[in-house]
Amino acid sequence: MTTIEKIREEVKKAMVARDSLRLNTLRGLLSAFTNELVAKKRRPTEELPDEEAIEVIKRAVKQRKDSIEQFSKGGRGDLVENEE
């Protein structure tokens, strides 16, 4: 089972559990995978190889950490909580 397939399964579980935070996070990752395919001039219906999917996930995590840091510096505790 590929990384993307695992994430799709987790999306289904989050939907059943009505866990909106987790669901939105996972959907964001799936969207990032599609964006990566489009950026590389490949069809959005293709599957991203596991190595590339992991790189996309790492970038998303780094982006969230940077956002949390910036929101903290700006005194926006409400946005920090949303990102965490």
PDB file of N, CA and C in Angstrom:
ATOM      1  N   MET A   1       0.849  -1.178   0.000  1.00  0.00           N
ATOM      2  CA  MET A   1       0.000   0.000   0.000  1.00  0.00           C
ATOM      3  C   MET A   1       0.895   1.241   0.000  1.00  0.00           C
ATOM      4  N   THR A   2       0.649   2.128  -0.946  1.00  0.00           N
ATOM      5  CA  THR A   2       1.470   3.332  -1.058  1.00  0.00           C
ATOM      6  C   THR A   2       1.075   4.365  -0.002  1.00  0.00           C
ATOM      7  N   THR A   3       1.903   5.361   0.130  1.00  0.00           N
ATOM      8  CA  THR A   3       1.647   6.429   1.096  1.00  0.00           C
ATOM      9  C   THR A   3       0.329   7.135   0.790  1.00  0.00           C
ATOM     10  N   ILE A   4       0.084   7.397  -0.476  1.00  0.00           N
ATOM     11  CA  ILE A   4      -1.146   8.096  -0.862  1.00  0.00           C
ATOM     12  C   ILE A   4      -2.368   7.236  -0.573  1.00  0.00           C
ATOM     13  N   GLU A   5      -2.266   5.945  -0.820  1.00  0.00           N
ATOM     14  CA  GLU A   5      -3.387   5.044  -0.512  1.00  0.00           C
ATOM     15  C   GLU A   5      -3.674   5.034   0.986  1.00  0.00           C
ATOM     16  N   LYS A   6      -2.617   5.039   1.791  1.00  0.00           N
ATOM     17  CA  LYS A   6      -2.790   5.067   3.249  1.00  0.00           C
ATOM     18  C   LYS A   6      -3.492   6.352   3.681  1.00  0.00           C
ATOM     19  N   ILE A   7      -3.099   7.456   3.080  1.00  0.00           N
ATOM     20  CA  ILE A   7      -3.722   8.734   3.436  1.00  0.00           C
ATOM     21  C   ILE A   7      -5.185   8.741   3.020  1.00  0.00           C
ATOM     22  N   ARG A   8      -5.485   8.178   1.861  1.00  0.00           N
ATOM     23  CA  ARG A   8      -6.893   8.104   1.431  1.00  0.00           C
ATOM     24  C   ARG A   8      -7.718   7.260   2.399  1.00  0.00           C
ATOM     25  N   GLU A   9      -7.141   6.187   2.907  1.00  0.00           N
ATOM     26  CA  GLU A   9      -7.839   5.362   3.897  1.00  0.00           C
ATOM     27  C   GLU A   9      -8.066   6.151   5.187  1.00  0.00           C
ATOM     28  N   GLU A  10      -7.067   6.927   5.587  1.00  0.00           N
ATOM     29  CA  GLU A  10      -7.202   7.745   6.792  1.00  0.00           C
ATOM     30  C   GLU A  10      -8.264   8.828   6.615  1.00  0.00           C
ATOM     31  N   VAL A  11      -8.411   9.327   5.385  1.00  0.00           N
ATOM     32  CA  VAL A  11      -9.468  10.306   5.101  1.00  0.00           C
ATOM     33  C   VAL A  11     -10.829   9.672   5.360  1.00  0.00           C
ATOM     34  N   LYS A  12     -10.989   8.449   4.881  1.00  0.00           N
ATOM     35  CA  LYS A  12     -12.262   7.745   5.092  1.00  0.00           C
ATOM     36  C   LYS A  12     -12.540   7.549   6.583  1.00  0.00           C
ATOM     37  N   LYS A  13     -11.509   7.159   7.328  1.00  0.00           N
ATOM     38  CA  LYS A  13     -11.675   6.960   8.771  1.00  0.00           C
ATOM     39  C   LYS A  13     -12.031   8.268   9.470  1.00  0.00           C
ATOM     40  N   ALA A  14     -11.393   9.350   9.053  1.00  0.00           N
ATOM     41  CA  ALA A  14     -11.675  10.653   9.661  1.00  0.00           C
ATOM     42  C   ALA A  14     -13.101  11.099   9.348  1.00  0.00           C
ATOM     43  N   MET A  15     -13.576  10.765   8.157  1.00  0.00           N
ATOM     44  CA  MET A  15     -14.953  11.117   7.797  1.00  0.00           C
ATOM     45  C   MET A  15     -15.948  10.359   8.671  1.00  0.00           C
ATOM     46  N   VAL A  16     -15.696   9.080   8.860  1.00  0.00           N
ATOM     47  CA  VAL A  16     -16.587   8.261   9.689  1.00  0.00           C
ATOM     48  C   VAL A  16     -16.573   8.757  11.129  1.00  0.00           C
ATOM     49  N   ALA A  17     -15.383   9.120  11.618  1.00  0.00           N
ATOM     50  CA  ALA A  17     -15.238   9.584  13.002  1.00  0.00           C
ATOM     51  C   ALA A  17     -15.669  11.043  13.170  1.00  0.00           C
ATOM     52  N   ARG A  18     -15.974  11.705  12.076  1.00  0.00           N
ATOM     53  CA  ARG A  18     -16.360  13.125  12.088  1.00  0.00           C
ATOM     54  C   ARG A  18     -15.282  14.000  12.740  1.00  0.00           C
ATOM     55  N   ASP A  19     -14.028  13.663  12.444  1.00  0.00           N
ATOM     56  CA  ASP A  19     -12.878  14.407  12.957  1.00  0.00           C
ATOM     57  C   ASP A  19     -12.482  15.448  11.903  1.00  0.00           C
ATOM     58  N   SER A  20     -13.067  16.626  11.990  1.00  0.00           N
ATOM     59  CA  SER A  20     -12.890  17.632  10.941  1.00  0.00           C
ATOM     60  C   SER A  20     -11.456  18.153  10.853  1.00  0.00           C
ATOM     61  N   LEU A  21     -10.773  18.294  11.971  1.00  0.00           N
ATOM     62  CA  LEU A  21      -9.396  18.779  11.946  1.00  0.00           C
ATOM     63  C   LEU A  21      -8.499  17.809  11.180  1.00  0.00           C
ATOM     64  N   ARG A  22      -8.601  16.550  11.523  1.00  0.00           N
ATOM     65  CA  ARG A  22      -7.796  15.527  10.856  1.00  0.00           C
ATOM     66  C   ARG A  22      -8.177  15.418   9.382  1.00  0.00           C
ATOM     67  N   LEU A  23      -9.470  15.478   9.106  1.00  0.00           N
ATOM     68  CA  LEU A  23      -9.957  15.377   7.737  1.00  0.00           C
ATOM     69  C   LEU A  23      -9.410  16.521   6.880  1.00  0.00           C
ATOM     70  N   ASN A  24      -9.474  17.734   7.391  1.00  0.00           N
ATOM     71  CA  ASN A  24      -8.968  18.883   6.638  1.00  0.00           C
ATOM     72  C   ASN A  24      -7.462  18.794   6.415  1.00  0.00           C
ATOM     73  N   THR A  25      -6.744  18.303   7.408  1.00  0.00           N
ATOM     74  CA  THR A  25      -5.298  18.146   7.274  1.00  0.00           C
ATOM     75  C   THR A  25      -4.960  17.134   6.186  1.00  0.00           C
ATOM     76  N   LEU A  26      -5.637  16.002   6.207  1.00  0.00           N
ATOM     77  CA  LEU A  26      -5.374  14.960   5.214  1.00  0.00           C
ATOM     78  C   LEU A  26      -5.785  15.405   3.812  1.00  0.00           C
ATOM     79  N   ARG A  27      -6.897  16.102   3.714  1.00  0.00           N
ATOM     80  CA  ARG A  27      -7.322  16.616   2.404  1.00  0.00           C
ATOM     81  C   ARG A  27      -6.317  17.635   1.879  1.00  0.00           C
ATOM     82  N   GLY A  28      -5.751  18.414   2.772  1.00  0.00           N
ATOM     83  CA  GLY A  28      -4.718  19.366   2.378  1.00  0.00           C
ATOM     84  C   GLY A  28      -3.498  18.665   1.804  1.00  0.00           C
ATOM     85  N   LEU A  29      -3.137  17.539   2.405  1.00  0.00           N
ATOM     86  CA  LEU A  29      -2.012  16.759   1.880  1.00  0.00           C
ATOM     87  C   LEU A  29      -2.328  16.206   0.499  1.00  0.00           C
ATOM     88  N   LEU A  30      -3.525  15.674   0.327  1.00  0.00           N
ATOM     89  CA  LEU A  30      -3.908  15.148  -0.989  1.00  0.00           C
ATOM     90  C   LEU A  30      -3.879  16.258  -2.037  1.00  0.00           C
ATOM     91  N   SER A  31      -4.294  17.432  -1.647  1.00  0.00           N
ATOM     92  CA  SER A  31      -4.251  18.580  -2.549  1.00  0.00           C
ATOM     93  C   SER A  31      -2.803  18.948  -2.884  1.00  0.00           C
ATOM     94  N   ALA A  32      -1.933  18.886  -1.897  1.00  0.00           N
ATOM     95  CA  ALA A  32      -0.513  19.178  -2.123  1.00  0.00           C
ATOM     96  C   ALA A  32       0.101  18.159  -3.080  1.00  0.00           C
ATOM     97  N   PHE A  33      -0.325  16.905  -2.986  1.00  0.00           N
ATOM     98  CA  PHE A  33       0.167  15.883  -3.915  1.00  0.00           C
ATOM     99  C   PHE A  33      -0.255  16.218  -5.341  1.00  0.00           C
ATOM    100  N   THR A  34      -1.502  16.612  -5.509  1.00  0.00           N
ATOM    101  CA  THR A  34      -2.003  16.974  -6.835  1.00  0.00           C
ATOM    102  C   THR A  34      -1.257  18.191  -7.368  1.00  0.00           C
ATOM    103  N   ASN A  35      -1.036  19.175  -6.519  1.00  0.00           N
ATOM    104  CA  ASN A  35      -0.296  20.370  -6.932  1.00  0.00           C
ATOM    105  C   ASN A  35       1.121  20.017  -7.371  1.00  0.00           C
ATOM    106  N   GLU A  36       1.737  19.081  -6.684  1.00  0.00           N
ATOM    107  CA  GLU A  36       3.092  18.637  -7.040  1.00  0.00           C
ATOM    108  C   GLU A  36       3.096  17.996  -8.426  1.00  0.00           C
ATOM    109  N   LEU A  37       2.098  17.177  -8.702  1.00  0.00           N
ATOM    110  CA  LEU A  37       2.005  16.550 -10.021  1.00  0.00           C
ATOM    111  C   LEU A  37       1.837  17.599 -11.113  1.00  0.00           C
ATOM    112  N   VAL A  38       0.979  18.562 -10.880  1.00  0.00           N
ATOM    113  CA  VAL A  38       0.738  19.616 -11.867  1.00  0.00           C
ATOM    114  C   VAL A  38       2.004  20.446 -12.069  1.00  0.00           C
ATOM    115  N   ALA A  39       2.715  20.731 -10.994  1.00  0.00           N
ATOM    116  CA  ALA A  39       3.950  21.510 -11.089  1.00  0.00           C
ATOM    117  C   ALA A  39       5.011  20.777 -11.905  1.00  0.00           C
ATOM    118  N   LYS A  40       4.967  19.463 -11.866  1.00  0.00           N
ATOM    119  CA  LYS A  40       5.938  18.659 -12.615  1.00  0.00           C
ATOM    120  C   LYS A  40       5.414  18.287 -13.996  1.00  0.00           C
ATOM    121  N   LYS A  41       4.332  18.962 -14.411  1.00  0.00           N
ATOM    122  CA  LYS A  41       3.737  18.772 -15.732  1.00  0.00           C
ATOM    123  C   LYS A  41       3.301  17.330 -15.979  1.00  0.00           C
ATOM    124  N   ARG A  42       2.747  16.735 -14.925  1.00  0.00           N
ATOM    125  CA  ARG A  42       2.186  15.389 -15.038  1.00  0.00           C
ATOM    126  C   ARG A  42       0.692  15.485 -14.803  1.00  0.00           C
ATOM    127  N   ARG A  43      -0.025  14.458 -15.204  1.00  0.00           N
ATOM    128  CA  ARG A  43      -1.475  14.462 -15.030  1.00  0.00           C
ATOM    129  C   ARG A  43      -1.843  14.353 -13.558  1.00  0.00           C
ATOM    130  N   PRO A  44      -2.827  15.122 -13.111  1.00  0.00           N
ATOM    131  CA  PRO A  44      -3.248  15.061 -11.702  1.00  0.00           C
ATOM    132  C   PRO A  44      -3.816  13.702 -11.300  1.00  0.00           C
ATOM    133  N   THR A  45      -4.188  12.885 -12.277  1.00  0.00           N
ATOM    134  CA  THR A  45      -4.743  11.571 -11.961  1.00  0.00           C
ATOM    135  C   THR A  45      -3.660  10.534 -11.703  1.00  0.00           C
ATOM    136  N   GLU A  46      -2.410  10.873 -11.994  1.00  0.00           N
ATOM    137  CA  GLU A  46      -1.311   9.940 -11.738  1.00  0.00           C
ATOM    138  C   GLU A  46      -1.067   9.823 -10.236  1.00  0.00           C
ATOM    139  N   GLU A  47      -0.388   8.756  -9.852  1.00  0.00           N
ATOM    140  CA  GLU A  47       0.005   8.577  -8.445  1.00  0.00           C
ATOM    141  C   GLU A  47       1.426   9.100  -8.276  1.00  0.00           C
ATOM    142  N   LEU A  48       1.631   9.812  -7.213  1.00  0.00           N
ATOM    143  CA  LEU A  48       2.953  10.311  -6.872  1.00  0.00           C
ATOM    144  C   LEU A  48       3.736   9.170  -6.221  1.00  0.00           C
ATOM    145  N   PRO A  49       4.963   8.907  -6.662  1.00  0.00           N
ATOM    146  CA  PRO A  49       5.760   7.860  -6.006  1.00  0.00           C
ATOM    147  C   PRO A  49       5.969   8.184  -4.525  1.00  0.00           C
ATOM    148  N   ASP A  50       6.178   7.147  -3.721  1.00  0.00           N
ATOM    149  CA  ASP A  50       6.314   7.328  -2.275  1.00  0.00           C
ATOM    150  C   ASP A  50       7.402   8.331  -1.897  1.00  0.00           C
ATOM    151  N   GLU A  51       8.541   8.287  -2.590  1.00  0.00           N
ATOM    152  CA  GLU A  51       9.640   9.195  -2.253  1.00  0.00           C
ATOM    153  C   GLU A  51       9.208  10.647  -2.433  1.00  0.00           C
ATOM    154  N   GLU A  52       8.517  10.919  -3.541  1.00  0.00           N
ATOM    155  CA  GLU A  52       8.057  12.281  -3.802  1.00  0.00           C
ATOM    156  C   GLU A  52       6.952  12.677  -2.828  1.00  0.00           C
ATOM    157  N   ALA A  53       6.084  11.737  -2.489  1.00  0.00           N
ATOM    158  CA  ALA A  53       4.998  12.017  -1.540  1.00  0.00           C
ATOM    159  C   ALA A  53       5.574  12.385  -0.176  1.00  0.00           C
ATOM    160  N   ILE A  54       6.604  11.677   0.243  1.00  0.00           N
ATOM    161  CA  ILE A  54       7.232  11.962   1.536  1.00  0.00           C
ATOM    162  C   ILE A  54       7.873  13.347   1.524  1.00  0.00           C
ATOM    163  N   GLU A  55       8.475  13.728   0.407  1.00  0.00           N
ATOM    164  CA  GLU A  55       9.059  15.069   0.300  1.00  0.00           C
ATOM    165  C   GLU A  55       7.981  16.146   0.405  1.00  0.00           C
ATOM    166  N   VAL A  56       6.838  15.903  -0.212  1.00  0.00           N
ATOM    167  CA  VAL A  56       5.724  16.854  -0.130  1.00  0.00           C
ATOM    168  C   VAL A  56       5.253  16.973   1.318  1.00  0.00           C
ATOM    169  N   ILE A  57       5.164  15.844   2.012  1.00  0.00           N
ATOM    170  CA  ILE A  57       4.739  15.854   3.420  1.00  0.00           C
ATOM    171  C   ILE A  57       5.743  16.636   4.266  1.00  0.00           C
ATOM    172  N   LYS A  58       7.036  16.419   4.027  1.00  0.00           N
ATOM    173  CA  LYS A  58       8.066  17.143   4.777  1.00  0.00           C
ATOM    174  C   LYS A  58       7.948  18.650   4.557  1.00  0.00           C
ATOM    175  N   ARG A  59       7.691  19.049   3.314  1.00  0.00           N
ATOM    176  CA  ARG A  59       7.529  20.478   3.029  1.00  0.00           C
ATOM    177  C   ARG A  59       6.312  21.044   3.745  1.00  0.00           C
ATOM    178  N   ALA A  60       5.224  20.274   3.779  1.00  0.00           N
ATOM    179  CA  ALA A  60       3.999  20.735   4.451  1.00  0.00           C
ATOM    180  C   ALA A  60       4.242  20.906   5.949  1.00  0.00           C
ATOM    181  N   VAL A  61       4.965  19.972   6.547  1.00  0.00           N
ATOM    182  CA  VAL A  61       5.277  20.061   7.981  1.00  0.00           C
ATOM    183  C   VAL A  61       6.143  21.287   8.248  1.00  0.00           C
ATOM    184  N   LYS A  62       7.150  21.494   7.417  1.00  0.00           N
ATOM    185  CA  LYS A  62       8.030  22.657   7.582  1.00  0.00           C
ATOM    186  C   LYS A  62       7.235  23.951   7.442  1.00  0.00           C
ATOM    187  N   GLN A  63       6.323  23.987   6.483  1.00  0.00           N
ATOM    188  CA  GLN A  63       5.501  25.174   6.279  1.00  0.00           C
ATOM    189  C   GLN A  63       4.648  25.462   7.511  1.00  0.00           C
ATOM    190  N   ARG A  64       4.076  24.428   8.102  1.00  0.00           N
ATOM    191  CA  ARG A  64       3.250  24.609   9.309  1.00  0.00           C
ATOM    192  C   ARG A  64       4.094  25.109  10.473  1.00  0.00           C
ATOM    193  N   LYS A  65       5.296  24.544  10.638  1.00  0.00           N
ATOM    194  CA  LYS A  65       6.174  24.982  11.727  1.00  0.00           C
ATOM    195  C   LYS A  65       6.569  26.440  11.548  1.00  0.00           C
ATOM    196  N   ASP A  66       6.875  26.831  10.309  1.00  0.00           N
ATOM    197  CA  ASP A  66       7.222  28.224  10.041  1.00  0.00           C
ATOM    198  C   ASP A  66       6.042  29.144  10.330  1.00  0.00           C
ATOM    199  N   SER A  67       4.846  28.705   9.970  1.00  0.00           N
ATOM    200  CA  SER A  67       3.645  29.507  10.230  1.00  0.00           C
ATOM    201  C   SER A  67       3.439  29.695  11.727  1.00  0.00           C
ATOM    202  N   ILE A  68       3.597  28.615  12.483  1.00  0.00           N
ATOM    203  CA  ILE A  68       3.434  28.693  13.940  1.00  0.00           C
ATOM    204  C   ILE A  68       4.432  29.682  14.528  1.00  0.00           C
ATOM    205  N   GLU A  69       5.673  29.613  14.055  1.00  0.00           N
ATOM    206  CA  GLU A  69       6.712  30.521  14.551  1.00  0.00           C
ATOM    207  C   GLU A  69       6.357  31.976  14.245  1.00  0.00           C
ATOM    208  N   GLN A  70       5.918  32.236  13.027  1.00  0.00           N
ATOM    209  CA  GLN A  70       5.568  33.602  12.636  1.00  0.00           C
ATOM    210  C   GLN A  70       4.353  34.117  13.404  1.00  0.00           C
ATOM    211  N   PHE A  71       3.363  33.266  13.583  1.00  0.00           N
ATOM    212  CA  PHE A  71       2.175  33.671  14.335  1.00  0.00           C
ATOM    213  C   PHE A  71       2.524  33.954  15.792  1.00  0.00           C
ATOM    214  N   SER A  72       3.437  33.158  16.349  1.00  0.00           N
ATOM    215  CA  SER A  72       3.863  33.379  17.736  1.00  0.00           C
ATOM    216  C   SER A  72       4.560  34.725  17.872  1.00  0.00           C
ATOM    217  N   LYS A  73       5.433  35.033  16.923  1.00  0.00           N
ATOM    218  CA  LYS A  73       6.145  36.312  16.950  1.00  0.00           C
ATOM    219  C   LYS A  73       5.178  37.480  16.808  1.00  0.00           C
ATOM    220  N   GLY A  74       4.115  37.262  16.063  1.00  0.00           N
ATOM    221  CA  GLY A  74       3.135  38.319  15.840  1.00  0.00           C
ATOM    222  C   GLY A  74       2.083  38.412  16.920  1.00  0.00           C
ATOM    223  N   GLY A  75       2.170  37.536  17.918  1.00  0.00           N
ATOM    224  CA  GLY A  75       1.215  37.572  19.016  1.00  0.00           C
ATOM    225  C   GLY A  75      -0.173  37.086  18.637  1.00  0.00           C
ATOM    226  N   ARG A  76      -0.236  36.186  17.683  1.00  0.00           N
ATOM    227  CA  ARG A  76      -1.530  35.667  17.230  1.00  0.00           C
ATOM    228  C   ARG A  76      -1.744  34.253  17.760  1.00  0.00           C
ATOM    229  N   GLY A  77      -2.038  34.152  19.038  1.00  0.00           N
ATOM    230  CA  GLY A  77      -2.240  32.860  19.688  1.00  0.00           C
ATOM    231  C   GLY A  77      -3.367  32.057  19.082  1.00  0.00           C
ATOM    232  N   ASP A  78      -4.401  32.742  18.594  1.00  0.00           N
ATOM    233  CA  ASP A  78      -5.528  32.040  17.980  1.00  0.00           C
ATOM    234  C   ASP A  78      -5.092  31.294  16.721  1.00  0.00           C
ATOM    235  N   LEU A  79      -4.238  31.931  15.922  1.00  0.00           N
ATOM    236  CA  LEU A  79      -3.761  31.281  14.705  1.00  0.00           C
ATOM    237  C   LEU A  79      -2.752  30.176  15.015  1.00  0.00           C
ATOM    238  N   VAL A  80      -1.991  30.356  16.092  1.00  0.00           N
ATOM    239  CA  VAL A  80      -1.054  29.314  16.512  1.00  0.00           C
ATOM    240  C   VAL A  80      -1.823  28.046  16.852  1.00  0.00           C
ATOM    241  N   GLU A  81      -2.918  28.199  17.586  1.00  0.00           N
ATOM    242  CA  GLU A  81      -3.734  27.035  17.955  1.00  0.00           C
ATOM    243  C   GLU A  81      -4.303  26.344  16.727  1.00  0.00           C
ATOM    244  N   ASN A  82      -4.729  27.125  15.734  1.00  0.00           N
ATOM    245  CA  ASN A  82      -5.275  26.532  14.511  1.00  0.00           C
ATOM    246  C   ASN A  82      -4.227  25.717  13.766  1.00  0.00           C
ATOM    247  N   GLU A  83      -3.001  26.222  13.722  1.00  0.00           N
ATOM    248  CA  GLU A  83      -1.938  25.531  12.998  1.00  0.00           C
ATOM    249  C   GLU A  83      -1.462  24.280  13.725  1.00  0.00           C
ATOM    250  N   GLU A  84      -1.495  24.316  15.066  1.00  0.00           N
ATOM    251  CA  GLU A  84      -1.024  23.160  15.826  1.00  0.00           C
ATOM    252  C   GLU A  84      -2.042  22.062  15.713  1.00  0.00           C
TER     253      GLU A  84
END
